PDB file of N, CA and C in Angstrom:
ATOM      1  N   GLN A   1     109.936  86.786 128.886  1.00  0.00           N
ATOM      2  CA  GLN A   1     110.989  86.990 127.910  1.00  0.00           C
ATOM      3  C   GLN A   1     110.399  87.076 126.516  1.00  0.00           C
ATOM      4  N   VAL A   2     111.022  87.889 125.706  1.00  0.00           N
ATOM      5  CA  VAL A   2     110.677  88.003 124.295  1.00  0.00           C
ATOM      6  C   VAL A   2     111.942  87.722 123.504  1.00  0.00           C
ATOM      7  N   GLN A   3     111.839  86.801 122.563  1.00  0.00           N
ATOM      8  CA  GLN A   3     112.965  86.513 121.681  1.00  0.00           C
ATOM      9  C   GLN A   3     112.712  87.170 120.331  1.00  0.00           C
ATOM     10  N   LEU A   4     113.739  87.821 119.818  1.00  0.00           N
ATOM     11  CA  LEU A   4     113.615  88.558 118.559  1.00  0.00           C
ATOM     12  C   LEU A   4     114.687  88.067 117.595  1.00  0.00           C
ATOM     13  N   VAL A   5     114.280  87.805 116.372  1.00  0.00           N
ATOM     14  CA  VAL A   5     115.215  87.335 115.354  1.00  0.00           C
ATOM     15  C   VAL A   5     115.013  88.151 114.082  1.00  0.00           C
ATOM     16  N   GLU A   6     116.042  88.896 113.700  1.00  0.00           N
ATOM     17  CA  GLU A   6     115.992  89.684 112.473  1.00  0.00           C
ATOM     18  C   GLU A   6     116.424  88.838 111.274  1.00  0.00           C
ATOM     19  N   SER A   7     115.919  89.230 110.123  1.00  0.00           N
ATOM     20  CA  SER A   7     116.331  88.587 108.873  1.00  0.00           C
ATOM     21  C   SER A   7     116.117  89.565 107.736  1.00  0.00           C
ATOM     22  N   GLY A   8     116.694  89.240 106.590  1.00  0.00           N
ATOM     23  CA  GLY A   8     116.455  90.033 105.393  1.00  0.00           C
ATOM     24  C   GLY A   8     117.542  91.012 105.035  1.00  0.00           C
ATOM     25  N   GLY A   9     118.582  91.081 105.847  1.00  0.00           N
ATOM     26  CA  GLY A   9     119.678  91.965 105.505  1.00  0.00           C
ATOM     27  C   GLY A   9     120.438  91.466 104.286  1.00  0.00           C
ATOM     28  N   GLY A  10     121.341  92.304 103.804  1.00  0.00           N
ATOM     29  CA  GLY A  10     122.130  91.895 102.646  1.00  0.00           C
ATOM     30  C   GLY A  10     122.838  93.070 102.019  1.00  0.00           C
ATOM     31  N   LEU A  11     123.309  92.833 100.800  1.00  0.00           N
ATOM     32  CA  LEU A  11     124.043  93.840 100.039  1.00  0.00           C
ATOM     33  C   LEU A  11     123.128  94.392  98.953  1.00  0.00           C
ATOM     34  N   VAL A  12     123.055  95.704  98.845  1.00  0.00           N
ATOM     35  CA  VAL A  12     122.210  96.343  97.846  1.00  0.00           C
ATOM     36  C   VAL A  12     122.928  97.579  97.327  1.00  0.00           C
ATOM     37  N   GLN A  13     122.660  97.930  96.084  1.00  0.00           N
ATOM     38  CA  GLN A  13     123.255  99.135  95.511  1.00  0.00           C
ATOM     39  C   GLN A  13     122.512 100.373  95.984  1.00  0.00           C
ATOM     40  N   ALA A  14     123.208 101.472  95.979  1.00  0.00           N
ATOM     41  CA  ALA A  14     122.592 102.746  96.339  1.00  0.00           C
ATOM     42  C   ALA A  14     121.388 103.002  95.434  1.00  0.00           C
ATOM     43  N   GLY A  15     120.322 103.479  96.064  1.00  0.00           N
ATOM     44  CA  GLY A  15     119.076 103.707  95.343  1.00  0.00           C
ATOM     45  C   GLY A  15     118.133 102.524  95.369  1.00  0.00           C
ATOM     46  N   GLY A  16     118.627 101.392  95.818  1.00  0.00           N
ATOM     47  CA  GLY A  16     117.816 100.185  95.851  1.00  0.00           C
ATOM     48  C   GLY A  16     116.976 100.093  97.108  1.00  0.00           C
ATOM     49  N   SER A  17     116.302  98.951  97.219  1.00  0.00           N
ATOM     50  CA  SER A  17     115.387  98.712  98.344  1.00  0.00           C
ATOM     51  C   SER A  17     115.697  97.388  99.014  1.00  0.00           C
ATOM     52  N   LEU A  18     115.297  97.313 100.273  1.00  0.00           N
ATOM     53  CA  LEU A  18     115.487  96.101 101.046  1.00  0.00           C
ATOM     54  C   LEU A  18     114.440  96.107 102.152  1.00  0.00           C
ATOM     55  N   ARG A  19     113.951  94.941 102.505  1.00  0.00           N
ATOM     56  CA  ARG A  19     113.042  94.832 103.642  1.00  0.00           C
ATOM     57  C   ARG A  19     113.640  93.880 104.659  1.00  0.00           C
ATOM     58  N   VAL A  20     113.797  94.382 105.867  1.00  0.00           N
ATOM     59  CA  VAL A  20     114.233  93.521 106.957  1.00  0.00           C
ATOM     60  C   VAL A  20     113.042  93.202 107.845  1.00  0.00           C
ATOM     61  N   SER A  21     113.075  92.026 108.410  1.00  0.00           N
ATOM     62  CA  SER A  21     111.986  91.537 109.242  1.00  0.00           C
ATOM     63  C   SER A  21     112.507  91.180 110.622  1.00  0.00           C
ATOM     64  N   CYS A  22     111.593  91.165 111.567  1.00  0.00           N
ATOM     65  CA  CYS A  22     111.933  90.779 112.931  1.00  0.00           C
ATOM     66  C   CYS A  22     110.798  89.915 113.453  1.00  0.00           C
ATOM     67  N   ALA A  23     111.108  88.653 113.688  1.00  0.00           N
ATOM     68  CA  ALA A  23     110.120  87.717 114.198  1.00  0.00           C
ATOM     69  C   ALA A  23     110.252  87.605 115.707  1.00  0.00           C
ATOM     70  N   ALA A  24     109.120  87.707 116.392  1.00  0.00           N
ATOM     71  CA  ALA A  24     109.114  87.667 117.855  1.00  0.00           C
ATOM     72  C   ALA A  24     108.475  86.385 118.351  1.00  0.00           C
ATOM     73  N   SER A  25     108.941  85.929 119.475  1.00  0.00           N
ATOM     74  CA  SER A  25     108.336  84.789 120.149  1.00  0.00           C
ATOM     75  C   SER A  25     108.438  85.019 121.650  1.00  0.00           C
ATOM     76  N   GLY A  26     107.619  84.274 122.370  1.00  0.00           N
ATOM     77  CA  GLY A  26     107.623  84.429 123.822  1.00  0.00           C
ATOM     78  C   GLY A  26     106.325  85.053 124.281  1.00  0.00           C
ATOM     79  N   ARG A  27     106.397  86.226 124.799  1.00  0.00           N
ATOM     80  CA  ARG A  27     105.221  86.882 125.339  1.00  0.00           C
ATOM     81  C   ARG A  27     104.354  87.477 124.239  1.00  0.00           C
ATOM     82  N   THR A  28     103.181  87.954 124.606  1.00  0.00           N
ATOM     83  CA  THR A  28     102.217  88.462 123.637  1.00  0.00           C
ATOM     84  C   THR A  28     102.807  89.639 122.870  1.00  0.00           C
ATOM     85  N   PHE A  29     102.954  89.448 121.577  1.00  0.00           N
ATOM     86  CA  PHE A  29     103.630  90.424 120.721  1.00  0.00           C
ATOM     87  C   PHE A  29     102.921  91.768 120.750  1.00  0.00           C
ATOM     88  N   SER A  30     101.592  91.742 120.759  1.00  0.00           N
ATOM     89  CA  SER A  30     100.843  92.998 120.692  1.00  0.00           C
ATOM     90  C   SER A  30     100.910  93.804 121.992  1.00  0.00           C
ATOM     91  N   ASN A  31     101.569  93.299 122.985  1.00  0.00           N
ATOM     92  CA  ASN A  31     101.785  94.066 124.211  1.00  0.00           C
ATOM     93  C   ASN A  31     102.995  94.983 124.126  1.00  0.00           C
ATOM     94  N   TYR A  32     103.691  94.911 122.984  1.00  0.00           N
ATOM     95  CA  TYR A  32     104.958  95.611 122.865  1.00  0.00           C
ATOM     96  C   TYR A  32     104.977  96.586 121.701  1.00  0.00           C
ATOM     97  N   ALA A  33     105.520  97.757 121.971  1.00  0.00           N
ATOM     98  CA  ALA A  33     105.939  98.640 120.883  1.00  0.00           C
ATOM     99  C   ALA A  33     107.267  98.103 120.366  1.00  0.00           C
ATOM    100  N   MET A  34     107.490  98.266 119.089  1.00  0.00           N
ATOM    101  CA  MET A  34     108.689  97.712 118.463  1.00  0.00           C
ATOM    102  C   MET A  34     109.516  98.820 117.824  1.00  0.00           C
ATOM    103  N   GLY A  35     110.787  98.779 118.096  1.00  0.00           N
ATOM    104  CA  GLY A  35     111.687  99.769 117.533  1.00  0.00           C
ATOM    105  C   GLY A  35     112.737  99.145 116.639  1.00  0.00           C
ATOM    106  N   TRP A  36     113.261  99.974 115.763  1.00  0.00           N
ATOM    107  CA  TRP A  36     114.414  99.597 114.938  1.00  0.00           C
ATOM    108  C   TRP A  36     115.549 100.567 115.237  1.00  0.00           C
ATOM    109  N   PHE A  37     116.722 100.005 115.415  1.00  0.00           N
ATOM    110  CA  PHE A  37     117.941 100.768 115.620  1.00  0.00           C
ATOM    111  C   PHE A  37     118.977 100.262 114.634  1.00  0.00           C
ATOM    112  N   ARG A  38     120.029 101.032 114.469  1.00  0.00           N
ATOM    113  CA  ARG A  38     121.132 100.574 113.629  1.00  0.00           C
ATOM    114  C   ARG A  38     122.452 101.048 114.216  1.00  0.00           C
ATOM    115  N   GLN A  39     123.494 100.304 113.890  1.00  0.00           N
ATOM    116  CA  GLN A  39     124.828 100.656 114.344  1.00  0.00           C
ATOM    117  C   GLN A  39     125.770 100.634 113.163  1.00  0.00           C
ATOM    118  N   PRO A  40     126.107 101.812 112.646  1.00  0.00           N
ATOM    119  CA  PRO A  40     127.068 101.874 111.541  1.00  0.00           C
ATOM    120  C   PRO A  40     128.463 101.478 112.026  1.00  0.00           C
ATOM    121  N   PRO A  41     129.331 101.101 111.110  1.00  0.00           N
ATOM    122  CA  PRO A  41     130.688 100.707 111.510  1.00  0.00           C
ATOM    123  C   PRO A  41     131.392 101.819 112.279  1.00  0.00           C
ATOM    124  N   GLY A  42     131.901 101.479 113.461  1.00  0.00           N
ATOM    125  CA  GLY A  42     132.661 102.438 114.246  1.00  0.00           C
ATOM    126  C   GLY A  42     131.850 103.505 114.937  1.00  0.00           C
ATOM    127  N   LYS A  43     130.536 103.375 114.898  1.00  0.00           N
ATOM    128  CA  LYS A  43     129.677 104.392 115.510  1.00  0.00           C
ATOM    129  C   LYS A  43     128.763 103.769 116.549  1.00  0.00           C
ATOM    130  N   GLU A  44     128.084 104.625 117.290  1.00  0.00           N
ATOM    131  CA  GLU A  44     127.164 104.157 118.305  1.00  0.00           C
ATOM    132  C   GLU A  44     125.828 103.752 117.676  1.00  0.00           C
ATOM    133  N   ARG A  45     125.091 102.959 118.424  1.00  0.00           N
ATOM    134  CA  ARG A  45     123.773 102.547 117.984  1.00  0.00           C
ATOM    135  C   ARG A  45     122.851 103.768 117.929  1.00  0.00           C
ATOM    136  N   GLU A  46     122.045 103.854 116.876  1.00  0.00           N
ATOM    137  CA  GLU A  46     121.168 105.002 116.707  1.00  0.00           C
ATOM    138  C   GLU A  46     119.752 104.570 116.373  1.00  0.00           C
ATOM    139  N   PHE A  47     118.824 105.403 116.786  1.00  0.00           N
ATOM    140  CA  PHE A  47     117.416 105.134 116.555  1.00  0.00           C
ATOM    141  C   PHE A  47     117.069 105.280 115.077  1.00  0.00           C
ATOM    142  N   VAL A  48     116.180 104.392 114.590  1.00  0.00           N
ATOM    143  CA  VAL A  48     115.717 104.463 113.209  1.00  0.00           C
ATOM    144  C   VAL A  48     114.214 104.705 113.157  1.00  0.00           C
ATOM    145  N   ALA A  49     113.455 103.845 113.838  1.00  0.00           N
ATOM    146  CA  ALA A  49     111.993 103.933 113.748  1.00  0.00           C
ATOM    147  C   ALA A  49     111.367 103.190 114.914  1.00  0.00           C
ATOM    148  N   VAL A  50     110.115 103.523 115.186  1.00  0.00           N
ATOM    149  CA  VAL A  50     109.349 102.813 116.206  1.00  0.00           C
ATOM    150  C   VAL A  50     107.896 102.740 115.748  1.00  0.00           C
ATOM    151  N   ILE A  51     107.229 101.664 116.146  1.00  0.00           N
ATOM    152  CA  ILE A  51     105.833 101.479 115.815  1.00  0.00           C
ATOM    153  C   ILE A  51     105.076 101.067 117.062  1.00  0.00           C
ATOM    154  N   SER A  52     103.878 101.608 117.212  1.00  0.00           N
ATOM    155  CA  SER A  52     103.076 101.299 118.391  1.00  0.00           C
ATOM    156  C   SER A  52     102.569  99.863 118.345  1.00  0.00           C
ATOM    157  N   TRP A  53     101.984  99.407 119.422  1.00  0.00           N
ATOM    158  CA  TRP A  53     101.537  98.018 119.515  1.00  0.00           C
ATOM    159  C   TRP A  53     100.505  97.680 118.451  1.00  0.00           C
ATOM    160  N   SER A  54      99.683  98.645 118.083  1.00  0.00           N
ATOM    161  CA  SER A  54      98.628  98.393 117.095  1.00  0.00           C
ATOM    162  C   SER A  54      99.079  98.675 115.678  1.00  0.00           C
ATOM    163  N   GLY A  55     100.183  99.368 115.548  1.00  0.00           N
ATOM    164  CA  GLY A  55     100.636  99.773 114.222  1.00  0.00           C
ATOM    165  C   GLY A  55     100.081 101.115 113.778  1.00  0.00           C
ATOM    166  N   SER A  56      99.264 101.733 114.593  1.00  0.00           N
ATOM    167  CA  SER A  56      98.607 102.974 114.189  1.00  0.00           C
ATOM    168  C   SER A  56      99.516 104.193 114.303  1.00  0.00           C
ATOM    169  N   SER A  57     100.572 104.065 115.069  1.00  0.00           N
ATOM    170  CA  SER A  57     101.495 105.193 115.249  1.00  0.00           C
ATOM    171  C   SER A  57     102.913 104.768 114.929  1.00  0.00           C
ATOM    172  N   THR A  58     103.603 105.631 114.220  1.00  0.00           N
ATOM    173  CA  THR A  58     105.005 105.398 113.909  1.00  0.00           C
ATOM    174  C   THR A  58     105.772 106.701 114.089  1.00  0.00           C
ATOM    175  N   TYR A  59     107.065 106.543 114.247  1.00  0.00           N
ATOM    176  CA  TYR A  59     107.947 107.710 114.393  1.00  0.00           C
ATOM    177  C   TYR A  59     109.293 107.326 113.806  1.00  0.00           C
ATOM    178  N   TYR A  60     109.886 108.263 113.048  1.00  0.00           N
ATOM    179  CA  TYR A  60     111.118 107.965 112.331  1.00  0.00           C
ATOM    180  C   TYR A  60     112.199 108.990 112.642  1.00  0.00           C
ATOM    181  N   ALA A  61     113.421 108.531 112.552  1.00  0.00           N
ATOM    182  CA  ALA A  61     114.544 109.445 112.584  1.00  0.00           C
ATOM    183  C   ALA A  61     114.504 110.324 111.338  1.00  0.00           C
ATOM    184  N   ASP A  62     114.964 111.544 111.474  1.00  0.00           N
ATOM    185  CA  ASP A  62     114.960 112.457 110.330  1.00  0.00           C
ATOM    186  C   ASP A  62     115.747 111.901 109.155  1.00  0.00           C
ATOM    187  N   SER A  63     116.789 111.153 109.450  1.00  0.00           N
ATOM    188  CA  SER A  63     117.677 110.645 108.403  1.00  0.00           C
ATOM    189  C   SER A  63     116.999 109.616 107.505  1.00  0.00           C
ATOM    190  N   VAL A  64     115.906 109.021 107.968  1.00  0.00           N
ATOM    191  CA  VAL A  64     115.238 107.974 107.173  1.00  0.00           C
ATOM    192  C   VAL A  64     113.810 108.335 106.809  1.00  0.00           C
ATOM    193  N   LYS A  65     113.323 109.436 107.339  1.00  0.00           N
ATOM    194  CA  LYS A  65     111.937 109.831 107.102  1.00  0.00           C
ATOM    195  C   LYS A  65     111.673 109.995 105.618  1.00  0.00           C
ATOM    196  N   GLY A  66     110.583 109.407 105.139  1.00  0.00           N
ATOM    197  CA  GLY A  66     110.242 109.467 103.726  1.00  0.00           C
ATOM    198  C   GLY A  66     110.863 108.370 102.897  1.00  0.00           C
ATOM    199  N   ARG A  67     111.826 107.651 103.455  1.00  0.00           N
ATOM    200  CA  ARG A  67     112.479 106.550 102.720  1.00  0.00           C
ATOM    201  C   ARG A  67     112.187 105.200 103.359  1.00  0.00           C
ATOM    202  N   PHE A  68     112.074 105.164 104.662  1.00  0.00           N
ATOM    203  CA  PHE A  68     111.839 103.914 105.397  1.00  0.00           C
ATOM    204  C   PHE A  68     110.403 103.884 105.915  1.00  0.00           C
ATOM    205  N   THR A  69     109.831 102.685 105.942  1.00  0.00           N
ATOM    206  CA  THR A  69     108.494 102.486 106.481  1.00  0.00           C
ATOM    207  C   THR A  69     108.488 101.289 107.410  1.00  0.00           C
ATOM    208  N   CYS A  70     107.995 101.513 108.598  1.00  0.00           N
ATOM    209  CA  CYS A  70     107.893 100.455 109.602  1.00  0.00           C
ATOM    210  C   CYS A  70     106.450  99.971 109.669  1.00  0.00           C
ATOM    211  N   SER A  71     106.273  98.666 109.692  1.00  0.00           N
ATOM    212  CA  SER A  71     104.929  98.094 109.805  1.00  0.00           C
ATOM    213  C   SER A  71     105.007  96.832 110.648  1.00  0.00           C
ATOM    214  N   ARG A  72     103.852  96.332 111.031  1.00  0.00           N
ATOM    215  CA  ARG A  72     103.844  95.106 111.823  1.00  0.00           C
ATOM    216  C   ARG A  72     102.610  94.288 111.490  1.00  0.00           C
ATOM    217  N   ASP A  73     102.743  92.988 111.713  1.00  0.00           N
ATOM    218  CA  ASP A  73     101.640  92.050 111.547  1.00  0.00           C
ATOM    219  C   ASP A  73     101.536  91.277 112.852  1.00  0.00           C
ATOM    220  N   ASN A  74     100.601  91.657 113.682  1.00  0.00           N
ATOM    221  CA  ASN A  74     100.503  91.017 114.997  1.00  0.00           C
ATOM    222  C   ASN A  74     100.057  89.561 114.893  1.00  0.00           C
ATOM    223  N   ALA A  75      99.374  89.217 113.841  1.00  0.00           N
ATOM    224  CA  ALA A  75      98.976  87.820 113.664  1.00  0.00           C
ATOM    225  C   ALA A  75     100.181  86.930 113.366  1.00  0.00           C
ATOM    226  N   LYS A  76     101.220  87.534 112.789  1.00  0.00           N
ATOM    227  CA  LYS A  76     102.439  86.791 112.468  1.00  0.00           C
ATOM    228  C   LYS A  76     103.571  87.085 113.443  1.00  0.00           C
ATOM    229  N   ASN A  77     103.298  87.914 114.436  1.00  0.00           N
ATOM    230  CA  ASN A  77     104.329  88.276 115.423  1.00  0.00           C
ATOM    231  C   ASN A  77     105.587  88.821 114.747  1.00  0.00           C
ATOM    232  N   THR A  78     105.386  89.660 113.768  1.00  0.00           N
ATOM    233  CA  THR A  78     106.510  90.138 112.976  1.00  0.00           C
ATOM    234  C   THR A  78     106.403  91.642 112.748  1.00  0.00           C
ATOM    235  N   VAL A  79     107.546  92.293 112.807  1.00  0.00           N
ATOM    236  CA  VAL A  79     107.637  93.710 112.459  1.00  0.00           C
ATOM    237  C   VAL A  79     108.604  93.839 111.286  1.00  0.00           C
ATOM    238  N   TYR A  80     108.311  94.798 110.433  1.00  0.00           N
ATOM    239  CA  TYR A  80     109.076  94.968 109.202  1.00  0.00           C
ATOM    240  C   TYR A  80     109.654  96.385 109.118  1.00  0.00           C
ATOM    241  N   LEU A  81     110.750  96.482 108.391  1.00  0.00           N
ATOM    242  CA  LEU A  81     111.295  97.786 108.050  1.00  0.00           C
ATOM    243  C   LEU A  81     111.581  97.775 106.555  1.00  0.00           C
ATOM    244  N   GLN A  82     110.736  98.470 105.814  1.00  0.00           N
ATOM    245  CA  GLN A  82     110.934  98.597 104.366  1.00  0.00           C
ATOM    246  C   GLN A  82     111.843  99.794 104.131  1.00  0.00           C
ATOM    247  N   MET A  83     112.942  99.559 103.453  1.00  0.00           N
ATOM    248  CA  MET A  83     113.937 100.601 103.224  1.00  0.00           C
ATOM    249  C   MET A  83     114.062 100.864 101.726  1.00  0.00           C
ATOM    250  N   ASN A  84     113.727 102.055 101.324  1.00  0.00           N
ATOM    251  CA  ASN A  84     113.806 102.463  99.926  1.00  0.00           C
ATOM    252  C   ASN A  84     114.835 103.570  99.753  1.00  0.00           C
ATOM    253  N   SER A  85     115.235 103.781  98.504  1.00  0.00           N
ATOM    254  CA  SER A  85     116.205 104.851  98.197  1.00  0.00           C
ATOM    255  C   SER A  85     117.405 104.779  99.127  1.00  0.00           C
ATOM    256  N   LEU A  86     117.942 103.593  99.259  1.00  0.00           N
ATOM    257  CA  LEU A  86     119.038 103.388 100.205  1.00  0.00           C
ATOM    258  C   LEU A  86     120.287 104.150  99.787  1.00  0.00           C
ATOM    259  N   LYS A  87     121.012 104.589 100.808  1.00  0.00           N
ATOM    260  CA  LYS A  87     122.236 105.343 100.618  1.00  0.00           C
ATOM    261  C   LYS A  87     123.395 104.598 101.281  1.00  0.00           C
ATOM    262  N   PRO A  88     124.616 104.840 100.840  1.00  0.00           N
ATOM    263  CA  PRO A  88     125.757 104.181 101.500  1.00  0.00           C
ATOM    264  C   PRO A  88     125.797 104.449 103.002  1.00  0.00           C
ATOM    265  N   GLU A  89     125.341 105.605 103.431  1.00  0.00           N
ATOM    266  CA  GLU A  89     125.354 105.907 104.861  1.00  0.00           C
ATOM    267  C   GLU A  89     124.299 105.140 105.657  1.00  0.00           C
ATOM    268  N   ASP A  90     123.452 104.382 104.962  1.00  0.00           N
ATOM    269  CA  ASP A  90     122.512 103.494 105.662  1.00  0.00           C
ATOM    270  C   ASP A  90     123.174 102.165 106.038  1.00  0.00           C
ATOM    271  N   THR A  91     124.400 101.953 105.594  1.00  0.00           N
ATOM    272  CA  THR A  91     125.119 100.735 105.931  1.00  0.00           C
ATOM    273  C   THR A  91     125.283 100.610 107.441  1.00  0.00           C
ATOM    274  N   ALA A  92     124.826  99.486 107.981  1.00  0.00           N
ATOM    275  CA  ALA A  92     124.845  99.293 109.433  1.00  0.00           C
ATOM    276  C   ALA A  92     124.335  97.897 109.760  1.00  0.00           C
ATOM    277  N   VAL A  93     124.520  97.515 111.003  1.00  0.00           N
ATOM    278  CA  VAL A  93     123.803  96.370 111.539  1.00  0.00           C
ATOM    279  C   VAL A  93     122.465  96.903 112.068  1.00  0.00           C
ATOM    280  N   TYR A  94     121.396  96.296 111.629  1.00  0.00           N
ATOM    281  CA  TYR A  94     120.059  96.736 112.022  1.00  0.00           C
ATOM    282  C   TYR A  94     119.504  95.795 113.089  1.00  0.00           C
ATOM    283  N   TYR A  95     118.999  96.411 114.156  1.00  0.00           N
ATOM    284  CA  TYR A  95     118.466  95.666 115.286  1.00  0.00           C
ATOM    285  C   TYR A  95     116.998  96.022 115.502  1.00  0.00           C
ATOM    286  N   CYS A  96     116.200  95.024 115.855  1.00  0.00           N
ATOM    287  CA  CYS A  96     114.864  95.326 116.340  1.00  0.00           C
ATOM    288  C   CYS A  96     114.868  95.188 117.860  1.00  0.00           C
ATOM    289  N   ALA A  97     113.937  95.869 118.483  1.00  0.00           N
ATOM    290  CA  ALA A  97     113.864  95.880 119.937  1.00  0.00           C
ATOM    291  C   ALA A  97     112.410  96.020 120.366  1.00  0.00           C
ATOM    292  N   ALA A  98     112.119  95.513 121.553  1.00  0.00           N
ATOM    293  CA  ALA A  98     110.750  95.530 122.076  1.00  0.00           C
ATOM    294  C   ALA A  98     110.698  96.251 123.413  1.00  0.00           C
ATOM    295  N   ALA A  99     109.656  97.041 123.568  1.00  0.00           N
ATOM    296  CA  ALA A  99     109.427  97.740 124.830  1.00  0.00           C
ATOM    297  C   ALA A  99     107.949  97.620 125.194  1.00  0.00           C
ATOM    298  N   PRO A 100     107.622  97.458 126.445  1.00  0.00           N
ATOM    299  CA  PRO A 100     106.204  97.370 126.847  1.00  0.00           C
ATOM    300  C   PRO A 100     105.428  98.576 126.335  1.00  0.00           C
ATOM    301  N   ALA A 101     104.322  98.296 125.668  1.00  0.00           N
ATOM    302  CA  ALA A 101     103.546  99.374 125.067  1.00  0.00           C
ATOM    303  C   ALA A 101     103.007 100.346 126.101  1.00  0.00           C
ATOM    304  N   THR A 102     102.771  99.866 127.298  1.00  0.00           N
ATOM    305  CA  THR A 102     102.234 100.733 128.343  1.00  0.00           C
ATOM    306  C   THR A 102     103.280 101.700 128.880  1.00  0.00           C
ATOM    307  N   ARG A 103     104.531 101.451 128.573  1.00  0.00           N
ATOM    308  CA  ARG A 103     105.600 102.283 129.109  1.00  0.00           C
ATOM    309  C   ARG A 103     106.227 103.198 128.066  1.00  0.00           C
ATOM    310  N   LEU A 104     106.363 102.681 126.844  1.00  0.00           N
ATOM    311  CA  LEU A 104     107.092 103.427 125.830  1.00  0.00           C
ATOM    312  C   LEU A 104     106.241 104.536 125.240  1.00  0.00           C
ATOM    313  N   ARG A 105     106.775 105.726 125.188  1.00  0.00           N
ATOM    314  CA  ARG A 105     106.128 106.852 124.513  1.00  0.00           C
ATOM    315  C   ARG A 105     106.675 106.922 123.092  1.00  0.00           C
ATOM    316  N   ILE A 106     105.762 106.812 122.126  1.00  0.00           N
ATOM    317  CA  ILE A 106     106.190 106.896 120.731  1.00  0.00           C
ATOM    318  C   ILE A 106     106.848 108.248 120.525  1.00  0.00           C
ATOM    319  N   GLY A 107     108.072 108.199 120.015  1.00  0.00           N
ATOM    320  CA  GLY A 107     108.858 109.418 119.908  1.00  0.00           C
ATOM    321  C   GLY A 107     110.109 109.342 120.757  1.00  0.00           C
ATOM    322  N   THR A 108     110.108 108.375 121.689  1.00  0.00           N
ATOM    323  CA  THR A 108     111.314 108.121 122.477  1.00  0.00           C
ATOM    324  C   THR A 108     112.326 107.427 121.590  1.00  0.00           C
ATOM    325  N   THR A 109     113.550 107.864 121.669  1.00  0.00           N
ATOM    326  CA  THR A 109     114.575 107.322 120.783  1.00  0.00           C
ATOM    327  C   THR A 109     115.724 106.644 121.525  1.00  0.00           C
ATOM    328  N   GLN A 110     115.602 106.523 122.829  1.00  0.00           N
ATOM    329  CA  GLN A 110     116.703 105.995 123.626  1.00  0.00           C
ATOM    330  C   GLN A 110     116.702 104.468 123.658  1.00  0.00           C
ATOM    331  N   PRO A 111     117.817 103.833 123.334  1.00  0.00           N
ATOM    332  CA  PRO A 111     117.892 102.365 123.413  1.00  0.00           C
ATOM    333  C   PRO A 111     117.568 101.838 124.800  1.00  0.00           C
ATOM    334  N   SER A 112     117.863 102.609 125.821  1.00  0.00           N
ATOM    335  CA  SER A 112     117.642 102.135 127.187  1.00  0.00           C
ATOM    336  C   SER A 112     116.171 101.930 127.511  1.00  0.00           C
ATOM    337  N   GLU A 113     115.280 102.439 126.682  1.00  0.00           N
ATOM    338  CA  GLU A 113     113.839 102.265 126.907  1.00  0.00           C
ATOM    339  C   GLU A 113     113.350 100.890 126.473  1.00  0.00           C
ATOM    340  N   TYR A 114     114.183 100.151 125.799  1.00  0.00           N
ATOM    341  CA  TYR A 114     113.782  98.863 125.251  1.00  0.00           C
ATOM    342  C   TYR A 114     114.333  97.716 126.105  1.00  0.00           C
ATOM    343  N   ASP A 115     113.502  96.709 126.287  1.00  0.00           N
ATOM    344  CA  ASP A 115     113.874  95.602 127.162  1.00  0.00           C
ATOM    345  C   ASP A 115     114.515  94.426 126.427  1.00  0.00           C
ATOM    346  N   TYR A 116     114.107  94.213 125.207  1.00  0.00           N
ATOM    347  CA  TYR A 116     114.550  93.022 124.476  1.00  0.00           C
ATOM    348  C   TYR A 116     115.121  93.436 123.124  1.00  0.00           C
ATOM    349  N   TRP A 117     116.162  92.702 122.712  1.00  0.00           N
ATOM    350  CA  TRP A 117     116.871  93.019 121.479  1.00  0.00           C
ATOM    351  C   TRP A 117     117.132  91.761 120.673  1.00  0.00           C
ATOM    352  N   GLY A 118     117.114  91.921 119.351  1.00  0.00           N
ATOM    353  CA  GLY A 118     117.539  90.851 118.474  1.00  0.00           C
ATOM    354  C   GLY A 118     119.046  90.884 118.306  1.00  0.00           C
ATOM    355  N   GLN A 119     119.549  89.942 117.514  1.00  0.00           N
ATOM    356  CA  GLN A 119     120.991  89.812 117.333  1.00  0.00           C
ATOM    357  C   GLN A 119     121.511  90.713 116.210  1.00  0.00           C
ATOM    358  N   GLY A 120     120.599  91.248 115.417  1.00  0.00           N
ATOM    359  CA  GLY A 120     120.997  92.157 114.350  1.00  0.00           C
ATOM    360  C   GLY A 120     121.144  91.485 113.003  1.00  0.00           C
ATOM    361  N   THR A 121     120.977  92.282 111.964  1.00  0.00           N
ATOM    362  CA  THR A 121     121.184  91.816 110.597  1.00  0.00           C
ATOM    363  C   THR A 121     121.942  92.900 109.842  1.00  0.00           C
ATOM    364  N   GLN A 122     122.926  92.476 109.063  1.00  0.00           N
ATOM    365  CA  GLN A 122     123.802  93.431 108.371  1.00  0.00           C
ATOM    366  C   GLN A 122     123.140  93.926 107.084  1.00  0.00           C
ATOM    367  N   VAL A 123     123.132  95.227 106.919  1.00  0.00           N
ATOM    368  CA  VAL A 123     122.695  95.857 105.671  1.00  0.00           C
ATOM    369  C   VAL A 123     123.864  96.653 105.130  1.00  0.00           C
ATOM    370  N   THR A 124     124.252  96.347 103.905  1.00  0.00           N
ATOM    371  CA  THR A 124     125.368  97.040 103.277  1.00  0.00           C
ATOM    372  C   THR A 124     124.882  97.665 101.973  1.00  0.00           C
ATOM    373  N   VAL A 125     125.102  98.965 101.833  1.00  0.00           N
ATOM    374  CA  VAL A 125     124.684  99.689 100.637  1.00  0.00           C
ATOM    375  C   VAL A 125     125.939 100.143  99.902  1.00  0.00           C
ATOM    376  N   SER A 126     126.103  99.658  98.701  1.00  0.00           N
ATOM    377  CA  SER A 126     127.282 100.009  97.920  1.00  0.00           C
ATOM    378  C   SER A 126     126.995 101.225  97.039  1.00  0.00           C
ATOM    379  N   SER A 127     128.037 102.007  96.828  1.00  0.00           N
ATOM    380  CA  SER A 127     127.876 103.229  96.028  1.00  0.00           C
ATOM    381  C   SER A 127     128.116 102.970  94.559  1.00  0.00           C
TER     382      SER A 127
END
């Protein structure tokens, strides 16, 4: 089992920045690729970003490319999502998720590929 806990969400004005974190515990963190998803109000969960087990590869949704950066610190068992130039349409509950690195192909965007999920953190961007 892998336990994931997100933090760092909050309220920010449009154009601002926010960094959300996801702390993992349980199994060896570096065995997992880590993804970020979000669920806007009234909409389905959507892919945001994914990072490989080593951090050397990342992949982003077109909607966040150039504004969001995903990174990880395997020594701290933590993955981060730095969000810049935030827009009101970025408002959502943000979730981190873990998938076995040997199975996940970077570029896969389906939630069903991930085995473990955090509880989510709310990000609200005001206009």
